Amino acid sequence: LLAWSEKDVWKYIKEKDVPYNELHDKGFPSIGCQPCTRAIKKGEDVRAGRWWWEQPEQKECGLHIKD
């Protein structure tokens, strides 16, 4: 698997009917937690949708809130 390209992975998934997250079909190539993930725009890096923070003052997803 280490030498496989993304194309190789998707070919295998389709040929072997491997279940995968439907968000991949909706423009989410890299999937994290719900508030931290968005679909990417054409030409963006595949991980651009993770921790994208369009509102820089809201950088906490809720997992690390201090009391």
PDB file of N, CA and C in Angstrom:
ATOM      1  N   LEU A   1       0.808  -1.206   0.000  1.00  0.00           N
ATOM      2  CA  LEU A   1       0.000   0.000   0.000  1.00  0.00           C
ATOM      3  C   LEU A   1       0.845   1.263   0.000  1.00  0.00           C
ATOM      4  N   LEU A   2       2.004   1.179   0.579  1.00  0.00           N
ATOM      5  CA  LEU A   2       2.867   2.352   0.676  1.00  0.00           C
ATOM      6  C   LEU A   2       3.159   2.959  -0.688  1.00  0.00           C
ATOM      7  N   ALA A   3       3.319   2.121  -1.691  1.00  0.00           N
ATOM      8  CA  ALA A   3       3.662   2.606  -3.029  1.00  0.00           C
ATOM      9  C   ALA A   3       2.431   2.945  -3.869  1.00  0.00           C
ATOM     10  N   TRP A   4       1.239   2.720  -3.341  1.00  0.00           N
ATOM     11  CA  TRP A   4       0.025   2.988  -4.108  1.00  0.00           C
ATOM     12  C   TRP A   4      -0.228   4.484  -4.212  1.00  0.00           C
ATOM     13  N   SER A   5      -0.708   4.906  -5.363  1.00  0.00           N
ATOM     14  CA  SER A   5      -1.144   6.287  -5.547  1.00  0.00           C
ATOM     15  C   SER A   5      -2.609   6.388  -5.099  1.00  0.00           C
ATOM     16  N   GLU A   6      -3.100   7.601  -5.011  1.00  0.00           N
ATOM     17  CA  GLU A   6      -4.520   7.780  -4.681  1.00  0.00           C
ATOM     18  C   GLU A   6      -5.389   7.094  -5.740  1.00  0.00           C
ATOM     19  N   LYS A   7      -4.964   7.181  -6.981  1.00  0.00           N
ATOM     20  CA  LYS A   7      -5.692   6.526  -8.078  1.00  0.00           C
ATOM     21  C   LYS A   7      -5.736   5.010  -7.868  1.00  0.00           C
ATOM     22  N   ASP A   8      -4.623   4.424  -7.436  1.00  0.00           N
ATOM     23  CA  ASP A   8      -4.568   2.985  -7.155  1.00  0.00           C
ATOM     24  C   ASP A   8      -5.556   2.601  -6.045  1.00  0.00           C
ATOM     25  N   VAL A   9      -5.609   3.419  -5.016  1.00  0.00           N
ATOM     26  CA  VAL A   9      -6.505   3.144  -3.888  1.00  0.00           C
ATOM     27  C   VAL A   9      -7.959   3.136  -4.358  1.00  0.00           C
ATOM     28  N   TRP A  10      -8.351   4.174  -5.112  1.00  0.00           N
ATOM     29  CA  TRP A  10      -9.732   4.256  -5.581  1.00  0.00           C
ATOM     30  C   TRP A  10     -10.063   3.149  -6.576  1.00  0.00           C
ATOM     31  N   LYS A  11      -9.109   2.760  -7.378  1.00  0.00           N
ATOM     32  CA  LYS A  11      -9.329   1.648  -8.307  1.00  0.00           C
ATOM     33  C   LYS A  11      -9.643   0.377  -7.519  1.00  0.00           C
ATOM     34  N   TYR A  12      -8.860   0.111  -6.487  1.00  0.00           N
ATOM     35  CA  TYR A  12      -9.074  -1.067  -5.644  1.00  0.00           C
ATOM     36  C   TYR A  12     -10.436  -0.994  -4.951  1.00  0.00           C
ATOM     37  N   ILE A  13     -10.761   0.160  -4.387  1.00  0.00           N
ATOM     38  CA  ILE A  13     -12.043   0.342  -3.699  1.00  0.00           C
ATOM     39  C   ILE A  13     -13.201   0.018  -4.633  1.00  0.00           C
ATOM     40  N   LYS A  14     -13.147   0.547  -5.844  1.00  0.00           N
ATOM     41  CA  LYS A  14     -14.228   0.326  -6.814  1.00  0.00           C
ATOM     42  C   LYS A  14     -14.261  -1.120  -7.302  1.00  0.00           C
ATOM     43  N   GLU A  15     -13.105  -1.682  -7.627  1.00  0.00           N
ATOM     44  CA  GLU A  15     -13.057  -3.055  -8.144  1.00  0.00           C
ATOM     45  C   GLU A  15     -13.503  -4.090  -7.114  1.00  0.00           C
ATOM     46  N   LYS A  16     -13.169  -3.864  -5.858  1.00  0.00           N
ATOM     47  CA  LYS A  16     -13.474  -4.833  -4.791  1.00  0.00           C
ATOM     48  C   LYS A  16     -14.733  -4.467  -4.005  1.00  0.00           C
ATOM     49  N   ASP A  17     -15.391  -3.384  -4.419  1.00  0.00           N
ATOM     50  CA  ASP A  17     -16.613  -2.923  -3.759  1.00  0.00           C
ATOM     51  C   ASP A  17     -16.402  -2.714  -2.258  1.00  0.00           C
ATOM     52  N   VAL A  18     -15.306  -2.058  -1.920  1.00  0.00           N
ATOM     53  CA  VAL A  18     -14.975  -1.762  -0.523  1.00  0.00           C
ATOM     54  C   VAL A  18     -15.825  -0.575  -0.056  1.00  0.00           C
ATOM     55  N   PRO A  19     -16.521  -0.687   1.070  1.00  0.00           N
ATOM     56  CA  PRO A  19     -17.294   0.448   1.572  1.00  0.00           C
ATOM     57  C   PRO A  19     -16.369   1.610   1.941  1.00  0.00           C
ATOM     58  N   TYR A  20     -16.840   2.829   1.712  1.00  0.00           N
ATOM     59  CA  TYR A  20     -16.067   4.020   2.063  1.00  0.00           C
ATOM     60  C   TYR A  20     -17.023   5.129   2.471  1.00  0.00           C
ATOM     61  N   ASN A  21     -16.510   6.133   3.130  1.00  0.00           N
ATOM     62  CA  ASN A  21     -17.322   7.250   3.607  1.00  0.00           C
ATOM     63  C   ASN A  21     -17.877   8.024   2.415  1.00  0.00           C
ATOM     64  N   GLU A  22     -19.194   8.219   2.380  1.00  0.00           N
ATOM     65  CA  GLU A  22     -19.848   8.904   1.261  1.00  0.00           C
ATOM     66  C   GLU A  22     -19.434  10.375   1.122  1.00  0.00           C
ATOM     67  N   LEU A  23     -18.827  10.937   2.153  1.00  0.00           N
ATOM     68  CA  LEU A  23     -18.354  12.319   2.040  1.00  0.00           C
ATOM     69  C   LEU A  23     -17.280  12.459   0.960  1.00  0.00           C
ATOM     70  N   HIS A  24     -16.565  11.378   0.668  1.00  0.00           N
ATOM     71  CA  HIS A  24     -15.570  11.431  -0.408  1.00  0.00           C
ATOM     72  C   HIS A  24     -16.231  11.817  -1.732  1.00  0.00           C
ATOM     73  N   ASP A  25     -17.462  11.369  -1.945  1.00  0.00           N
ATOM     74  CA  ASP A  25     -18.189  11.679  -3.176  1.00  0.00           C
ATOM     75  C   ASP A  25     -18.726  13.105  -3.185  1.00  0.00           C
ATOM     76  N   LYS A  26     -18.671  13.770  -2.048  1.00  0.00           N
ATOM     77  CA  LYS A  26     -19.212  15.126  -1.919  1.00  0.00           C
ATOM     78  C   LYS A  26     -18.119  16.177  -1.793  1.00  0.00           C
ATOM     79  N   GLY A  27     -16.883  15.822  -2.176  1.00  0.00           N
ATOM     80  CA  GLY A  27     -15.798  16.795  -2.178  1.00  0.00           C
ATOM     81  C   GLY A  27     -14.953  16.832  -0.926  1.00  0.00           C
ATOM     82  N   PHE A  28     -15.050  15.811  -0.092  1.00  0.00           N
ATOM     83  CA  PHE A  28     -14.264  15.720   1.133  1.00  0.00           C
ATOM     84  C   PHE A  28     -13.201  14.628   0.970  1.00  0.00           C
ATOM     85  N   PRO A  29     -12.025  14.936   0.433  1.00  0.00           N
ATOM     86  CA  PRO A  29     -11.016  13.896   0.249  1.00  0.00           C
ATOM     87  C   PRO A  29     -10.311  13.494   1.541  1.00  0.00           C
ATOM     88  N   SER A  30     -10.327  14.365   2.540  1.00  0.00           N
ATOM     89  CA  SER A  30      -9.701  14.097   3.833  1.00  0.00           C
ATOM     90  C   SER A  30     -10.739  14.421   4.899  1.00  0.00           C
ATOM     91  N   ILE A  31     -11.091  13.441   5.711  1.00  0.00           N
ATOM     92  CA  ILE A  31     -12.214  13.602   6.621  1.00  0.00           C
ATOM     93  C   ILE A  31     -11.741  13.561   8.066  1.00  0.00           C
ATOM     94  N   GLY A  32     -12.116  14.601   8.803  1.00  0.00           N
ATOM     95  CA  GLY A  32     -11.809  14.686  10.224  1.00  0.00           C
ATOM     96  C   GLY A  32     -13.108  14.807  10.992  1.00  0.00           C
ATOM     97  N   CYS A  33     -13.074  15.486  12.120  1.00  0.00           N
ATOM     98  CA  CYS A  33     -14.298  15.657  12.903  1.00  0.00           C
ATOM     99  C   CYS A  33     -15.227  16.658  12.205  1.00  0.00           C
ATOM    100  N   GLN A  34     -16.506  16.613  12.537  1.00  0.00           N
ATOM    101  CA  GLN A  34     -17.524  17.404  11.847  1.00  0.00           C
ATOM    102  C   GLN A  34     -17.242  18.903  11.826  1.00  0.00           C
ATOM    103  N   PRO A  35     -16.944  19.548  12.951  1.00  0.00           N
ATOM    104  CA  PRO A  35     -16.752  21.000  12.872  1.00  0.00           C
ATOM    105  C   PRO A  35     -15.424  21.421  12.235  1.00  0.00           C
ATOM    106  N   CYS A  36     -14.517  20.477  12.046  1.00  0.00           N
ATOM    107  CA  CYS A  36     -13.174  20.806  11.559  1.00  0.00           C
ATOM    108  C   CYS A  36     -12.967  20.473  10.083  1.00  0.00           C
ATOM    109  N   THR A  37     -13.993  19.997   9.402  1.00  0.00           N
ATOM    110  CA  THR A  37     -13.827  19.499   8.041  1.00  0.00           C
ATOM    111  C   THR A  37     -14.807  20.174   7.100  1.00  0.00           C
ATOM    112  N   ARG A  38     -14.342  20.514   5.917  1.00  0.00           N
ATOM    113  CA  ARG A  38     -15.209  21.053   4.864  1.00  0.00           C
ATOM    114  C   ARG A  38     -14.767  20.453   3.539  1.00  0.00           C
ATOM    115  N   ALA A  39     -15.660  20.526   2.556  1.00  0.00           N
ATOM    116  CA  ALA A  39     -15.294  20.095   1.206  1.00  0.00           C
ATOM    117  C   ALA A  39     -14.230  21.053   0.687  1.00  0.00           C
ATOM    118  N   ILE A  40     -13.360  20.558  -0.179  1.00  0.00           N
ATOM    119  CA  ILE A  40     -12.323  21.429  -0.736  1.00  0.00           C
ATOM    120  C   ILE A  40     -12.793  22.023  -2.054  1.00  0.00           C
ATOM    121  N   LYS A  41     -12.150  23.110  -2.420  1.00  0.00           N
ATOM    122  CA  LYS A  41     -12.434  23.771  -3.693  1.00  0.00           C
ATOM    123  C   LYS A  41     -11.472  23.244  -4.753  1.00  0.00           C
ATOM    124  N   LYS A  42     -11.869  23.359  -6.002  1.00  0.00           N
ATOM    125  CA  LYS A  42     -11.032  22.893  -7.104  1.00  0.00           C
ATOM    126  C   LYS A  42      -9.645  23.528  -7.013  1.00  0.00           C
ATOM    127  N   GLY A  43      -8.623  22.697  -7.107  1.00  0.00           N
ATOM    128  CA  GLY A  43      -7.246  23.171  -7.064  1.00  0.00           C
ATOM    129  C   GLY A  43      -6.629  23.224  -5.680  1.00  0.00           C
ATOM    130  N   GLU A  44      -7.442  23.049  -4.625  1.00  0.00           N
ATOM    131  CA  GLU A  44      -6.898  23.060  -3.268  1.00  0.00           C
ATOM    132  C   GLU A  44      -6.210  21.736  -2.955  1.00  0.00           C
ATOM    133  N   ASP A  45      -5.276  21.783  -2.024  1.00  0.00           N
ATOM    134  CA  ASP A  45      -4.631  20.577  -1.520  1.00  0.00           C
ATOM    135  C   ASP A  45      -5.698  19.668  -0.910  1.00  0.00           C
ATOM    136  N   VAL A  46      -5.507  18.349  -1.011  1.00  0.00           N
ATOM    137  CA  VAL A  46      -6.507  17.406  -0.506  1.00  0.00           C
ATOM    138  C   VAL A  46      -6.765  17.551   0.992  1.00  0.00           C
ATOM    139  N   ARG A  47      -5.828  18.111   1.737  1.00  0.00           N
ATOM    140  CA  ARG A  47      -6.033  18.302   3.173  1.00  0.00           C
ATOM    141  C   ARG A  47      -6.479  19.724   3.528  1.00  0.00           C
ATOM    142  N   ALA A  48      -6.761  20.539   2.532  1.00  0.00           N
ATOM    143  CA  ALA A  48      -7.168  21.924   2.785  1.00  0.00           C
ATOM    144  C   ALA A  48      -8.492  22.019   3.537  1.00  0.00           C
ATOM    145  N   GLY A  49      -9.315  20.996   3.460  1.00  0.00           N
ATOM    146  CA  GLY A  49     -10.602  21.015   4.142  1.00  0.00           C
ATOM    147  C   GLY A  49     -10.536  20.675   5.617  1.00  0.00           C
ATOM    148  N   ARG A  50      -9.366  20.265   6.104  1.00  0.00           N
ATOM    149  CA  ARG A  50      -9.206  19.930   7.518  1.00  0.00           C
ATOM    150  C   ARG A  50      -8.674  21.153   8.259  1.00  0.00           C
ATOM    151  N   TRP A  51      -9.263  21.465   9.387  1.00  0.00           N
ATOM    152  CA  TRP A  51      -8.820  22.583  10.232  1.00  0.00           C
ATOM    153  C   TRP A  51      -8.685  23.861   9.409  1.00  0.00           C
ATOM    154  N   TRP A  52      -9.707  24.174   8.681  1.00  0.00           N
ATOM    155  CA  TRP A  52      -9.691  25.273   7.721  1.00  0.00           C
ATOM    156  C   TRP A  52      -9.963  26.636   8.324  1.00  0.00           C
ATOM    157  N   TRP A  53     -10.651  26.724   9.399  1.00  0.00           N
ATOM    158  CA  TRP A  53     -10.861  27.937  10.191  1.00  0.00           C
ATOM    159  C   TRP A  53     -11.083  29.210   9.391  1.00  0.00           C
ATOM    160  N   GLU A  54     -12.233  29.299   8.794  1.00  0.00           N
ATOM    161  CA  GLU A  54     -12.588  30.529   8.086  1.00  0.00           C
ATOM    162  C   GLU A  54     -12.774  31.676   9.068  1.00  0.00           C
ATOM    163  N   GLN A  55     -13.075  31.335  10.305  1.00  0.00           N
ATOM    164  CA  GLN A  55     -13.193  32.333  11.361  1.00  0.00           C
ATOM    165  C   GLN A  55     -12.064  32.075  12.350  1.00  0.00           C
ATOM    166  N   PRO A  56     -10.935  32.750  12.181  1.00  0.00           N
ATOM    167  CA  PRO A  56      -9.743  32.444  12.971  1.00  0.00           C
ATOM    168  C   PRO A  56      -9.928  32.522  14.490  1.00  0.00           C
ATOM    169  N   GLU A  57     -10.894  33.281  14.974  1.00  0.00           N
ATOM    170  CA  GLU A  57     -11.084  33.387  16.420  1.00  0.00           C
ATOM    171  C   GLU A  57     -11.756  32.144  17.006  1.00  0.00           C
ATOM    172  N   GLN A  58     -12.291  31.261  16.180  1.00  0.00           N
ATOM    173  CA  GLN A  58     -12.951  30.040  16.650  1.00  0.00           C
ATOM    174  C   GLN A  58     -12.103  28.826  16.282  1.00  0.00           C
ATOM    175  N   LYS A  59     -10.995  28.644  16.958  1.00  0.00           N
ATOM    176  CA  LYS A  59     -10.062  27.572  16.605  1.00  0.00           C
ATOM    177  C   LYS A  59     -10.174  26.342  17.490  1.00  0.00           C
ATOM    178  N   GLU A  60     -11.215  26.218  18.259  1.00  0.00           N
ATOM    179  CA  GLU A  60     -11.363  25.063  19.140  1.00  0.00           C
ATOM    180  C   GLU A  60     -12.549  24.230  18.682  1.00  0.00           C
ATOM    181  N   CYS A  61     -12.325  22.953  18.458  1.00  0.00           N
ATOM    182  CA  CYS A  61     -13.389  22.057  17.984  1.00  0.00           C
ATOM    183  C   CYS A  61     -14.248  21.524  19.126  1.00  0.00           C
ATOM    184  N   GLY A  62     -13.849  21.766  20.362  1.00  0.00           N
ATOM    185  CA  GLY A  62     -14.624  21.313  21.504  1.00  0.00           C
ATOM    186  C   GLY A  62     -13.997  20.162  22.261  1.00  0.00           C
ATOM    187  N   LEU A  63     -12.951  19.578  21.729  1.00  0.00           N
ATOM    188  CA  LEU A  63     -12.299  18.454  22.394  1.00  0.00           C
ATOM    189  C   LEU A  63     -11.311  18.890  23.467  1.00  0.00           C
ATOM    190  N   HIS A  64     -10.863  20.132  23.419  1.00  0.00           N
ATOM    191  CA  HIS A  64      -9.792  20.574  24.309  1.00  0.00           C
ATOM    192  C   HIS A  64     -10.144  21.848  25.078  1.00  0.00           C
ATOM    193  N   ILE A  65     -11.392  22.019  25.409  1.00  0.00           N
ATOM    194  CA  ILE A  65     -11.821  23.217  26.134  1.00  0.00           C
ATOM    195  C   ILE A  65     -11.376  23.117  27.592  1.00  0.00           C
ATOM    196  N   LYS A  66     -10.775  24.196  28.089  1.00  0.00           N
ATOM    197  CA  LYS A  66     -10.344  24.242  29.493  1.00  0.00           C
ATOM    198  C   LYS A  66     -11.503  24.689  30.362  1.00  0.00           C
ATOM    199  N   ASP A  67     -11.556  24.168  31.599  1.00  0.00           N
ATOM    200  CA  ASP A  67     -12.611  24.554  32.557  1.00  0.00           C
ATOM    201  C   ASP A  67     -12.442  25.978  32.996  1.00  0.00           C
TER     202      ASP A  67
END
